[in-house]
Amino acid sequence: MLLGVHPKTVVRMIRRGELAASPNWASVGLLRSDVERLSLTRWRPGDRAWLTVTQVAEQLDIPAPGVYQLSNDGRLPSEKAPGGRRLYRPDQIAVIARVWRERSAPSVP
């Protein structure tokens, strides 16, 4: 789970107003955008829900400044955590890395 907490903690977050939920939240669910926003505020080093610039650079096999540049150009989706740290969703980076590898693979005649 993105928040890295027990489901009962999520219930408490809803009651405290940290997460919005419909009146029938148990069957409808939460808005992913709300969960991601809260997850960003709770990010700590080692959190597997998000990747850092260094981790993305390793997965894409490019230098860290290249990750910043791609993000600044809008070609690499990222979010900013409080304090300005740029974080990336692992599933999105995995798709981008796979596409890059396929494009750079030599074609077989």
PDB file of N, CA and C in Angstrom:
ATOM      1  N   MET A   1       0.835  -1.180   0.000  1.00  0.00           N
ATOM      2  CA  MET A   1       0.000   0.000   0.000  1.00  0.00           C
ATOM      3  C   MET A   1       0.879   1.242   0.000  1.00  0.00           C
ATOM      4  N   LEU A   2       0.427   2.253  -0.664  1.00  0.00           N
ATOM      5  CA  LEU A   2       1.204   3.482  -0.783  1.00  0.00           C
ATOM      6  C   LEU A   2       1.531   4.126   0.554  1.00  0.00           C
ATOM      7  N   LEU A   3       0.615   4.078   1.481  1.00  0.00           N
ATOM      8  CA  LEU A   3       0.836   4.744   2.758  1.00  0.00           C
ATOM      9  C   LEU A   3       1.700   3.937   3.704  1.00  0.00           C
ATOM     10  N   GLY A   4       1.803   2.637   3.478  1.00  0.00           N
ATOM     11  CA  GLY A   4       2.629   1.798   4.333  1.00  0.00           C
ATOM     12  C   GLY A   4       2.098   1.682   5.754  1.00  0.00           C
ATOM     13  N   VAL A   5       0.778   1.728   5.890  1.00  0.00           N
ATOM     14  CA  VAL A   5       0.171   1.627   7.217  1.00  0.00           C
ATOM     15  C   VAL A   5      -0.885   0.531   7.217  1.00  0.00           C
ATOM     16  N   HIS A   6      -1.275   0.125   8.393  1.00  0.00           N
ATOM     17  CA  HIS A   6      -2.308  -0.887   8.562  1.00  0.00           C
ATOM     18  C   HIS A   6      -3.659  -0.321   8.116  1.00  0.00           C
ATOM     19  N   PRO A   7      -4.551  -1.157   7.583  1.00  0.00           N
ATOM     20  CA  PRO A   7      -5.876  -0.674   7.161  1.00  0.00           C
ATOM     21  C   PRO A   7      -6.642   0.066   8.264  1.00  0.00           C
ATOM     22  N   LYS A   8      -6.474  -0.336   9.516  1.00  0.00           N
ATOM     23  CA  LYS A   8      -7.162   0.372  10.603  1.00  0.00           C
ATOM     24  C   LYS A   8      -6.638   1.800  10.749  1.00  0.00           C
ATOM     25  N   THR A   9      -5.363   1.991  10.429  1.00  0.00           N
ATOM     26  CA  THR A   9      -4.803   3.339  10.473  1.00  0.00           C
ATOM     27  C   THR A   9      -5.442   4.198   9.392  1.00  0.00           C
ATOM     28  N   VAL A  10      -5.726   3.601   8.241  1.00  0.00           N
ATOM     29  CA  VAL A  10      -6.409   4.335   7.174  1.00  0.00           C
ATOM     30  C   VAL A  10      -7.777   4.785   7.649  1.00  0.00           C
ATOM     31  N   VAL A  11      -8.479   3.929   8.357  1.00  0.00           N
ATOM     32  CA  VAL A  11      -9.793   4.298   8.912  1.00  0.00           C
ATOM     33  C   VAL A  11      -9.633   5.497   9.841  1.00  0.00           C
ATOM     34  N   ARG A  12      -8.603   5.477  10.689  1.00  0.00           N
ATOM     35  CA  ARG A  12      -8.365   6.602  11.595  1.00  0.00           C
ATOM     36  C   ARG A  12      -8.045   7.877  10.815  1.00  0.00           C
ATOM     37  N   MET A  13      -7.289   7.743   9.714  1.00  0.00           N
ATOM     38  CA  MET A  13      -6.961   8.909   8.886  1.00  0.00           C
ATOM     39  C   MET A  13      -8.218   9.521   8.278  1.00  0.00           C
ATOM     40  N   ILE A  14      -9.144   8.667   7.891  1.00  0.00           N
ATOM     41  CA  ILE A  14     -10.413   9.144   7.338  1.00  0.00           C
ATOM     42  C   ILE A  14     -11.187   9.886   8.420  1.00  0.00           C
ATOM     43  N   ARG A  15     -11.247   9.318   9.599  1.00  0.00           N
ATOM     44  CA  ARG A  15     -11.982   9.956  10.704  1.00  0.00           C
ATOM     45  C   ARG A  15     -11.367  11.293  11.098  1.00  0.00           C
ATOM     46  N   ARG A  16     -10.036  11.394  11.022  1.00  0.00           N
ATOM     47  CA  ARG A  16      -9.358  12.654  11.370  1.00  0.00           C
ATOM     48  C   ARG A  16      -9.426  13.670  10.231  1.00  0.00           C
ATOM     49  N   GLY A  17      -9.903  13.245   9.069  1.00  0.00           N
ATOM     50  CA  GLY A  17      -9.994  14.151   7.930  1.00  0.00           C
ATOM     51  C   GLY A  17      -8.736  14.230   7.089  1.00  0.00           C
ATOM     52  N   GLU A  18      -7.765  13.366   7.337  1.00  0.00           N
ATOM     53  CA  GLU A  18      -6.534  13.361   6.552  1.00  0.00           C
ATOM     54  C   GLU A  18      -6.767  12.782   5.160  1.00  0.00           C
ATOM     55  N   LEU A  19      -7.744  11.889   5.045  1.00  0.00           N
ATOM     56  CA  LEU A  19      -8.142  11.303   3.769  1.00  0.00           C
ATOM     57  C   LEU A  19      -9.643  11.495   3.610  1.00  0.00           C
ATOM     58  N   ALA A  20     -10.054  11.850   2.396  1.00  0.00           N
ATOM     59  CA  ALA A  20     -11.480  11.993   2.118  1.00  0.00           C
ATOM     60  C   ALA A  20     -12.026  10.652   1.647  1.00  0.00           C
ATOM     61  N   ALA A  21     -13.253  10.387   2.026  1.00  0.00           N
ATOM     62  CA  ALA A  21     -13.906   9.155   1.591  1.00  0.00           C
ATOM     63  C   ALA A  21     -15.385   9.439   1.427  1.00  0.00           C
ATOM     64  N   SER A  22     -15.996   8.723   0.507  1.00  0.00           N
ATOM     65  CA  SER A  22     -17.443   8.855   0.346  1.00  0.00           C
ATOM     66  C   SER A  22     -18.117   8.239   1.563  1.00  0.00           C
ATOM     67  N   PRO A  23     -19.403   8.520   1.786  1.00  0.00           N
ATOM     68  CA  PRO A  23     -20.067   7.929   2.947  1.00  0.00           C
ATOM     69  C   PRO A  23     -19.981   6.406   2.957  1.00  0.00           C
ATOM     70  N   ASN A  24     -19.897   5.808   1.796  1.00  0.00           N
ATOM     71  CA  ASN A  24     -19.805   4.354   1.705  1.00  0.00           C
ATOM     72  C   ASN A  24     -18.386   3.974   1.302  1.00  0.00           C
ATOM     73  N   TRP A  25     -17.395   4.546   1.979  1.00  0.00           N
ATOM     74  CA  TRP A  25     -16.006   4.411   1.570  1.00  0.00           C
ATOM     75  C   TRP A  25     -15.511   2.974   1.552  1.00  0.00           C
ATOM     76  N   ALA A  26     -16.059   2.112   2.367  1.00  0.00           N
ATOM     77  CA  ALA A  26     -15.561   0.738   2.438  1.00  0.00           C
ATOM     78  C   ALA A  26     -15.794  -0.006   1.132  1.00  0.00           C
ATOM     79  N   SER A  27     -16.879   0.319   0.443  1.00  0.00           N
ATOM     80  CA  SER A  27     -17.139  -0.404  -0.803  1.00  0.00           C
ATOM     81  C   SER A  27     -16.731   0.407  -2.029  1.00  0.00           C
ATOM     82  N   VAL A  28     -16.637   1.717  -1.903  1.00  0.00           N
ATOM     83  CA  VAL A  28     -16.314   2.561  -3.055  1.00  0.00           C
ATOM     84  C   VAL A  28     -14.822   2.783  -3.163  1.00  0.00           C
ATOM     85  N   GLY A  29     -14.166   3.020  -2.056  1.00  0.00           N
ATOM     86  CA  GLY A  29     -12.731   3.231  -2.063  1.00  0.00           C
ATOM     87  C   GLY A  29     -12.351   4.680  -1.874  1.00  0.00           C
ATOM     88  N   LEU A  30     -11.075   4.913  -1.890  1.00  0.00           N
ATOM     89  CA  LEU A  30     -10.514   6.241  -1.703  1.00  0.00           C
ATOM     90  C   LEU A  30     -10.006   6.761  -3.039  1.00  0.00           C
ATOM     91  N   LEU A  31      -9.881   8.072  -3.127  1.00  0.00           N
ATOM     92  CA  LEU A  31      -9.296   8.652  -4.333  1.00  0.00           C
ATOM     93  C   LEU A  31      -7.790   8.423  -4.313  1.00  0.00           C
ATOM     94  N   ARG A  32      -7.266   7.872  -5.392  1.00  0.00           N
ATOM     95  CA  ARG A  32      -5.825   7.612  -5.450  1.00  0.00           C
ATOM     96  C   ARG A  32      -5.033   8.905  -5.271  1.00  0.00           C
ATOM     97  N   SER A  33      -5.538   9.999  -5.831  1.00  0.00           N
ATOM     98  CA  SER A  33      -4.829  11.276  -5.718  1.00  0.00           C
ATOM     99  C   SER A  33      -4.681  11.692  -4.249  1.00  0.00           C
ATOM    100  N   ASP A  34      -5.703  11.453  -3.432  1.00  0.00           N
ATOM    101  CA  ASP A  34      -5.617  11.777  -2.009  1.00  0.00           C
ATOM    102  C   ASP A  34      -4.602  10.891  -1.301  1.00  0.00           C
ATOM    103  N   VAL A  35      -4.624   9.614  -1.634  1.00  0.00           N
ATOM    104  CA  VAL A  35      -3.685   8.674  -1.014  1.00  0.00           C
ATOM    105  C   VAL A  35      -2.252   9.026  -1.416  1.00  0.00           C
ATOM    106  N   GLU A  36      -2.040   9.350  -2.690  1.00  0.00           N
ATOM    107  CA  GLU A  36      -0.694   9.717  -3.142  1.00  0.00           C
ATOM    108  C   GLU A  36      -0.220  11.001  -2.477  1.00  0.00           C
ATOM    109  N   ARG A  37      -1.110  11.987  -2.348  1.00  0.00           N
ATOM    110  CA  ARG A  37      -0.748  13.245  -1.704  1.00  0.00           C
ATOM    111  C   ARG A  37      -0.289  12.986  -0.267  1.00  0.00           C
ATOM    112  N   LEU A  38      -1.056  12.190   0.447  1.00  0.00           N
ATOM    113  CA  LEU A  38      -0.688  11.876   1.822  1.00  0.00           C
ATOM    114  C   LEU A  38       0.589  11.041   1.874  1.00  0.00           C
ATOM    115  N   SER A  39       0.735  10.130   0.936  1.00  0.00           N
ATOM    116  CA  SER A  39       1.937   9.303   0.875  1.00  0.00           C
ATOM    117  C   SER A  39       3.190  10.162   0.670  1.00  0.00           C
ATOM    118  N   LEU A  40       3.070  11.197  -0.158  1.00  0.00           N
ATOM    119  CA  LEU A  40       4.207  12.097  -0.376  1.00  0.00           C
ATOM    120  C   LEU A  40       4.610  12.802   0.915  1.00  0.00           C
ATOM    121  N   THR A  41       3.631  13.203   1.710  1.00  0.00           N
ATOM    122  CA  THR A  41       3.949  13.910   2.951  1.00  0.00           C
ATOM    123  C   THR A  41       4.579  12.981   3.984  1.00  0.00           C
ATOM    124  N   ARG A  42       4.343  11.673   3.849  1.00  0.00           N
ATOM    125  CA  ARG A  42       4.870  10.693   4.794  1.00  0.00           C
ATOM    126  C   ARG A  42       6.143  10.009   4.293  1.00  0.00           C
ATOM    127  N   TRP A  43       6.669  10.404   3.141  1.00  0.00           N
ATOM    128  CA  TRP A  43       7.821   9.738   2.550  1.00  0.00           C
ATOM    129  C   TRP A  43       9.033   9.817   3.480  1.00  0.00           C
ATOM    130  N   ARG A  44       9.729   8.697   3.555  1.00  0.00           N
ATOM    131  CA  ARG A  44      10.990   8.604   4.303  1.00  0.00           C
ATOM    132  C   ARG A  44      11.965   7.785   3.458  1.00  0.00           C
ATOM    133  N   PRO A  45      13.277   8.003   3.610  1.00  0.00           N
ATOM    134  CA  PRO A  45      14.239   7.194   2.861  1.00  0.00           C
ATOM    135  C   PRO A  45      13.975   5.701   3.061  1.00  0.00           C
ATOM    136  N   GLY A  46      14.019   4.967   1.968  1.00  0.00           N
ATOM    137  CA  GLY A  46      13.764   3.533   2.009  1.00  0.00           C
ATOM    138  C   GLY A  46      12.322   3.171   1.712  1.00  0.00           C
ATOM    139  N   ASP A  47      11.455   4.169   1.573  1.00  0.00           N
ATOM    140  CA  ASP A  47      10.041   3.938   1.257  1.00  0.00           C
ATOM    141  C   ASP A  47       9.945   3.345  -0.143  1.00  0.00           C
ATOM    142  N   ARG A  48       9.338   2.162  -0.265  1.00  0.00           N
ATOM    143  CA  ARG A  48       9.266   1.491  -1.566  1.00  0.00           C
ATOM    144  C   ARG A  48       8.127   2.003  -2.434  1.00  0.00           C
ATOM    145  N   ALA A  49       7.278   2.872  -1.890  1.00  0.00           N
ATOM    146  CA  ALA A  49       6.161   3.408  -2.670  1.00  0.00           C
ATOM    147  C   ALA A  49       6.622   4.457  -3.659  1.00  0.00           C
ATOM    148  N   TRP A  50       7.808   5.010  -3.452  1.00  0.00           N
ATOM    149  CA  TRP A  50       8.333   6.063  -4.322  1.00  0.00           C
ATOM    150  C   TRP A  50       9.808   5.799  -4.615  1.00  0.00           C
ATOM    151  N   LEU A  51      10.270   6.293  -5.762  1.00  0.00           N
ATOM    152  CA  LEU A  51      11.684   6.207  -6.125  1.00  0.00           C
ATOM    153  C   LEU A  51      12.312   7.595  -6.057  1.00  0.00           C
ATOM    154  N   THR A  52      13.567   7.636  -5.677  1.00  0.00           N
ATOM    155  CA  THR A  52      14.311   8.892  -5.668  1.00  0.00           C
ATOM    156  C   THR A  52      14.968   9.093  -7.034  1.00  0.00           C
ATOM    157  N   VAL A  53      15.543  10.262  -7.231  1.00  0.00           N
ATOM    158  CA  VAL A  53      16.242  10.564  -8.484  1.00  0.00           C
ATOM    159  C   VAL A  53      17.359   9.553  -8.725  1.00  0.00           C
ATOM    160  N   THR A  54      18.108   9.222  -7.694  1.00  0.00           N
ATOM    161  CA  THR A  54      19.206   8.263  -7.836  1.00  0.00           C
ATOM    162  C   THR A  54      18.698   6.897  -8.264  1.00  0.00           C
ATOM    163  N   GLN A  55      17.609   6.435  -7.665  1.00  0.00           N
ATOM    164  CA  GLN A  55      17.046   5.132  -8.029  1.00  0.00           C
ATOM    165  C   GLN A  55      16.537   5.133  -9.468  1.00  0.00           C
ATOM    166  N   VAL A  56      15.919   6.224  -9.884  1.00  0.00           N
ATOM    167  CA  VAL A  56      15.430   6.319 -11.260  1.00  0.00           C
ATOM    168  C   VAL A  56      16.607   6.329 -12.231  1.00  0.00           C
ATOM    169  N   ALA A  57      17.647   7.051 -11.880  1.00  0.00           N
ATOM    170  CA  ALA A  57      18.836   7.097 -12.742  1.00  0.00           C
ATOM    171  C   ALA A  57      19.419   5.701 -12.928  1.00  0.00           C
ATOM    172  N   GLU A  58      19.451   4.913 -11.867  1.00  0.00           N
ATOM    173  CA  GLU A  58      19.959   3.541 -11.964  1.00  0.00           C
ATOM    174  C   GLU A  58      19.068   2.695 -12.867  1.00  0.00           C
ATOM    175  N   GLN A  59      17.748   2.819 -12.717  1.00  0.00           N
ATOM    176  CA  GLN A  59      16.836   2.000 -13.516  1.00  0.00           C
ATOM    177  C   GLN A  59      16.862   2.383 -14.989  1.00  0.00           C
ATOM    178  N   LEU A  60      17.027   3.669 -15.263  1.00  0.00           N
ATOM    179  CA  LEU A  60      17.034   4.119 -16.657  1.00  0.00           C
ATOM    180  C   LEU A  60      18.444   4.129 -17.253  1.00  0.00           C
ATOM    181  N   ASP A  61      19.444   3.865 -16.433  1.00  0.00           N
ATOM    182  CA  ASP A  61      20.844   3.845 -16.854  1.00  0.00           C
ATOM    183  C   ASP A  61      21.254   5.185 -17.457  1.00  0.00           C
ATOM    184  N   ILE A  62      20.910   6.261 -16.746  1.00  0.00           N
ATOM    185  CA  ILE A  62      21.306   7.614 -17.139  1.00  0.00           C
ATOM    186  C   ILE A  62      21.801   8.326 -15.887  1.00  0.00           C
ATOM    187  N   PRO A  63      22.573   9.401 -16.044  1.00  0.00           N
ATOM    188  CA  PRO A  63      23.031  10.127 -14.859  1.00  0.00           C
ATOM    189  C   PRO A  63      21.884  10.897 -14.197  1.00  0.00           C
ATOM    190  N   ALA A  64      22.027  11.174 -12.914  1.00  0.00           N
ATOM    191  CA  ALA A  64      20.981  11.875 -12.160  1.00  0.00           C
ATOM    192  C   ALA A  64      20.603  13.226 -12.790  1.00  0.00           C
ATOM    193  N   PRO A  65      21.568  14.020 -13.276  1.00  0.00           N
ATOM    194  CA  PRO A  65      21.156  15.284 -13.915  1.00  0.00           C
ATOM    195  C   PRO A  65      20.228  15.059 -15.116  1.00  0.00           C
ATOM    196  N   GLY A  66      20.383  13.929 -15.786  1.00  0.00           N
ATOM    197  CA  GLY A  66      19.495  13.603 -16.904  1.00  0.00           C
ATOM    198  C   GLY A  66      18.068  13.345 -16.429  1.00  0.00           C
ATOM    199  N   VAL A  67      17.928  12.760 -15.247  1.00  0.00           N
ATOM    200  CA  VAL A  67      16.602  12.525 -14.671  1.00  0.00           C
ATOM    201  C   VAL A  67      15.941  13.867 -14.378  1.00  0.00           C
ATOM    202  N   TYR A  68      16.705  14.792 -13.766  1.00  0.00           N
ATOM    203  CA  TYR A  68      16.164  16.121 -13.490  1.00  0.00           C
ATOM    204  C   TYR A  68      15.730  16.810 -14.780  1.00  0.00           C
ATOM    205  N   GLN A  69      16.561  16.722 -15.799  1.00  0.00           N
ATOM    206  CA  GLN A  69      16.252  17.389 -17.068  1.00  0.00           C
ATOM    207  C   GLN A  69      14.991  16.812 -17.706  1.00  0.00           C
ATOM    208  N   LEU A  70      14.885  15.492 -17.729  1.00  0.00           N
ATOM    209  CA  LEU A  70      13.685  14.864 -18.286  1.00  0.00           C
ATOM    210  C   LEU A  70      12.435  15.265 -17.498  1.00  0.00           C
ATOM    211  N   SER A  71      12.573  15.378 -16.188  1.00  0.00           N
ATOM    212  CA  SER A  71      11.443  15.798 -15.359  1.00  0.00           C
ATOM    213  C   SER A  71      11.078  17.252 -15.633  1.00  0.00           C
ATOM    214  N   ASN A  72      12.095  18.096 -15.712  1.00  0.00           N
ATOM    215  CA  ASN A  72      11.849  19.513 -15.987  1.00  0.00           C
ATOM    216  C   ASN A  72      11.191  19.718 -17.340  1.00  0.00           C
ATOM    217  N   ASP A  73      11.546  18.882 -18.314  1.00  0.00           N
ATOM    218  CA  ASP A  73      10.971  18.978 -19.665  1.00  0.00           C
ATOM    219  C   ASP A  73       9.575  18.358 -19.742  1.00  0.00           C
ATOM    220  N   GLY A  74       9.128  17.715 -18.653  1.00  0.00           N
ATOM    221  CA  GLY A  74       7.815  17.079 -18.643  1.00  0.00           C
ATOM    222  C   GLY A  74       7.799  15.718 -19.325  1.00  0.00           C
ATOM    223  N   ARG A  75       8.979  15.146 -19.558  1.00  0.00           N
ATOM    224  CA  ARG A  75       9.064  13.858 -20.240  1.00  0.00           C
ATOM    225  C   ARG A  75       9.183  12.684 -19.277  1.00  0.00           C
ATOM    226  N   LEU A  76       9.273  12.993 -17.983  1.00  0.00           N
ATOM    227  CA  LEU A  76       9.362  11.964 -16.950  1.00  0.00           C
ATOM    228  C   LEU A  76       8.451  12.400 -15.802  1.00  0.00           C
ATOM    229  N   PRO A  77       7.371  11.640 -15.552  1.00  0.00           N
ATOM    230  CA  PRO A  77       6.411  12.064 -14.524  1.00  0.00           C
ATOM    231  C   PRO A  77       7.007  11.987 -13.123  1.00  0.00           C
ATOM    232  N   SER A  78       6.824  13.061 -12.371  1.00  0.00           N
ATOM    233  CA  SER A  78       7.331  13.093 -11.001  1.00  0.00           C
ATOM    234  C   SER A  78       6.376  13.899 -10.133  1.00  0.00           C
ATOM    235  N   GLU A  79       6.576  13.756  -8.842  1.00  0.00           N
ATOM    236  CA  GLU A  79       5.820  14.516  -7.853  1.00  0.00           C
ATOM    237  C   GLU A  79       6.827  15.152  -6.917  1.00  0.00           C
ATOM    238  N   LYS A  80       6.440  16.252  -6.302  1.00  0.00           N
ATOM    239  CA  LYS A  80       7.334  16.893  -5.332  1.00  0.00           C
ATOM    240  C   LYS A  80       6.784  16.693  -3.930  1.00  0.00           C
ATOM    241  N   ALA A  81       7.632  16.144  -3.086  1.00  0.00           N
ATOM    242  CA  ALA A  81       7.285  15.954  -1.683  1.00  0.00           C
ATOM    243  C   ALA A  81       7.512  17.276  -0.955  1.00  0.00           C
ATOM    244  N   PRO A  82       6.925  17.434   0.223  1.00  0.00           N
ATOM    245  CA  PRO A  82       7.225  18.633   1.004  1.00  0.00           C
ATOM    246  C   PRO A  82       8.734  18.766   1.193  1.00  0.00           C
ATOM    247  N   GLY A  83       9.227  19.947   1.029  1.00  0.00           N
ATOM    248  CA  GLY A  83      10.666  20.161   1.100  1.00  0.00           C
ATOM    249  C   GLY A  83      11.301  20.180  -0.283  1.00  0.00           C
ATOM    250  N   GLY A  84      10.522  19.856  -1.319  1.00  0.00           N
ATOM    251  CA  GLY A  84      11.005  19.953  -2.685  1.00  0.00           C
ATOM    252  C   GLY A  84      11.634  18.711  -3.275  1.00  0.00           C
ATOM    253  N   ARG A  85      11.758  17.633  -2.505  1.00  0.00           N
ATOM    254  CA  ARG A  85      12.362  16.405  -3.046  1.00  0.00           C
ATOM    255  C   ARG A  85      11.479  15.860  -4.159  1.00  0.00           C
ATOM    256  N   ARG A  86      12.099  15.517  -5.271  1.00  0.00           N
ATOM    257  CA  ARG A  86      11.369  14.959  -6.398  1.00  0.00           C
ATOM    258  C   ARG A  86      11.290  13.442  -6.245  1.00  0.00           C
ATOM    259  N   LEU A  87      10.077  12.894  -6.371  1.00  0.00           N
ATOM    260  CA  LEU A  87       9.859  11.460  -6.224  1.00  0.00           C
ATOM    261  C   LEU A  87       9.101  10.927  -7.429  1.00  0.00           C
ATOM    262  N   TYR A  88       9.287   9.633  -7.699  1.00  0.00           N
ATOM    263  CA  TYR A  88       8.734   9.000  -8.892  1.00  0.00           C
ATOM    264  C   TYR A  88       7.994   7.732  -8.512  1.00  0.00           C
ATOM    265  N   ARG A  89       6.959   7.419  -9.254  1.00  0.00           N
ATOM    266  CA  ARG A  89       6.201   6.193  -9.021  1.00  0.00           C
ATOM    267  C   ARG A  89       6.940   5.021  -9.663  1.00  0.00           C
ATOM    268  N   PRO A  90       7.206   3.969  -8.897  1.00  0.00           N
ATOM    269  CA  PRO A  90       7.956   2.830  -9.435  1.00  0.00           C
ATOM    270  C   PRO A  90       7.303   2.183 -10.649  1.00  0.00           C
ATOM    271  N   ASP A  91       5.980   2.068 -10.662  1.00  0.00           N
ATOM    272  CA  ASP A  91       5.318   1.421 -11.792  1.00  0.00           C
ATOM    273  C   ASP A  91       5.486   2.224 -13.078  1.00  0.00           C
ATOM    274  N   GLN A  92       5.446   3.540 -12.988  1.00  0.00           N
ATOM    275  CA  GLN A  92       5.632   4.368 -14.177  1.00  0.00           C
ATOM    276  C   GLN A  92       7.064   4.266 -14.696  1.00  0.00           C
ATOM    277  N   ILE A  93       8.022   4.288 -13.788  1.00  0.00           N
ATOM    278  CA  ILE A  93       9.425   4.208 -14.199  1.00  0.00           C
ATOM    279  C   ILE A  93       9.714   2.844 -14.807  1.00  0.00           C
ATOM    280  N   ALA A  94       9.110   1.788 -14.287  1.00  0.00           N
ATOM    281  CA  ALA A  94       9.313   0.447 -14.847  1.00  0.00           C
ATOM    282  C   ALA A  94       8.821   0.383 -16.291  1.00  0.00           C
ATOM    283  N   VAL A  95       7.680   0.995 -16.572  1.00  0.00           N
ATOM    284  CA  VAL A  95       7.149   1.010 -17.943  1.00  0.00           C
ATOM    285  C   VAL A  95       8.073   1.803 -18.851  1.00  0.00           C
ATOM    286  N   ILE A  96       8.511   2.959 -18.402  1.00  0.00           N
ATOM    287  CA  ILE A  96       9.405   3.796 -19.212  1.00  0.00           C
ATOM    288  C   ILE A  96      10.714   3.071 -19.480  1.00  0.00           C
ATOM    289  N   ALA A  97      11.279   2.427 -18.464  1.00  0.00           N
ATOM    290  CA  ALA A  97      12.540   1.688 -18.642  1.00  0.00           C
ATOM    291  C   ALA A  97      12.366   0.560 -19.650  1.00  0.00           C
ATOM    292  N   ARG A  98      11.237  -0.151 -19.583  1.00  0.00           N
ATOM    293  CA  ARG A  98      10.989  -1.250 -20.516  1.00  0.00           C
ATOM    294  C   ARG A  98      10.883  -0.727 -21.950  1.00  0.00           C
ATOM    295  N   VAL A  99      10.189   0.369 -22.133  1.00  0.00           N
ATOM    296  CA  VAL A  99      10.059   0.956 -23.475  1.00  0.00           C
ATOM    297  C   VAL A  99      11.420   1.400 -23.994  1.00  0.00           C
ATOM    298  N   TRP A 100      12.225   2.035 -23.145  1.00  0.00           N
ATOM    299  CA  TRP A 100      13.549   2.478 -23.569  1.00  0.00           C
ATOM    300  C   TRP A 100      14.417   1.300 -23.983  1.00  0.00           C
ATOM    301  N   ARG A 101      14.355   0.199 -23.203  1.00  0.00           N
ATOM    302  CA  ARG A 101      15.157  -0.986 -23.559  1.00  0.00           C
ATOM    303  C   ARG A 101      14.707  -1.573 -24.893  1.00  0.00           C
ATOM    304  N   GLU A 102      13.384  -1.633 -25.107  1.00  0.00           N
ATOM    305  CA  GLU A 102      12.877  -2.181 -26.367  1.00  0.00           C
ATOM    306  C   GLU A 102      13.276  -1.327 -27.566  1.00  0.00           C
ATOM    307  N   ARG A 103      13.272  -0.022 -27.382  1.00  0.00           N
ATOM    308  CA  ARG A 103      13.646   0.879 -28.481  1.00  0.00           C
ATOM    309  C   ARG A 103      15.132   0.793 -28.809  1.00  0.00           C
ATOM    310  N   SER A 104      15.941   0.529 -27.780  1.00  0.00           N
ATOM    311  CA  SER A 104      17.385   0.492 -28.025  1.00  0.00           C
ATOM    312  C   SER A 104      17.877  -0.903 -28.416  1.00  0.00           C
ATOM    313  N   ALA A 105      17.017  -1.913 -28.306  1.00  0.00           N
ATOM    314  CA  ALA A 105      17.422  -3.264 -28.673  1.00  0.00           C
ATOM    315  C   ALA A 105      17.589  -3.357 -30.197  1.00  0.00           C
ATOM    316  N   PRO A 106      18.612  -4.053 -30.647  1.00  0.00           N
ATOM    317  CA  PRO A 106      18.793  -4.197 -32.095  1.00  0.00           C
ATOM    318  C   PRO A 106      17.662  -5.038 -32.697  1.00  0.00           C
ATOM    319  N   SER A 107      17.224  -4.614 -33.854  1.00  0.00           N
ATOM    320  CA  SER A 107      16.160  -5.364 -34.515  1.00  0.00           C
ATOM    321  C   SER A 107      16.747  -6.551 -35.275  1.00  0.00           C
ATOM    322  N   VAL A 108      16.025  -7.635 -35.275  1.00  0.00           N
ATOM    323  CA  VAL A 108      16.467  -8.856 -35.952  1.00  0.00           C
ATOM    324  C   VAL A 108      15.777  -8.903 -37.312  1.00  0.00           C
ATOM    325  N   PRO A 109      16.551  -9.061 -38.396  1.00  0.00           N
ATOM    326  CA  PRO A 109      15.929  -9.071 -39.736  1.00  0.00           C
ATOM    327  C   PRO A 109      15.080 -10.291 -40.006  1.00  0.00           C
TER     328      PRO A 109
END
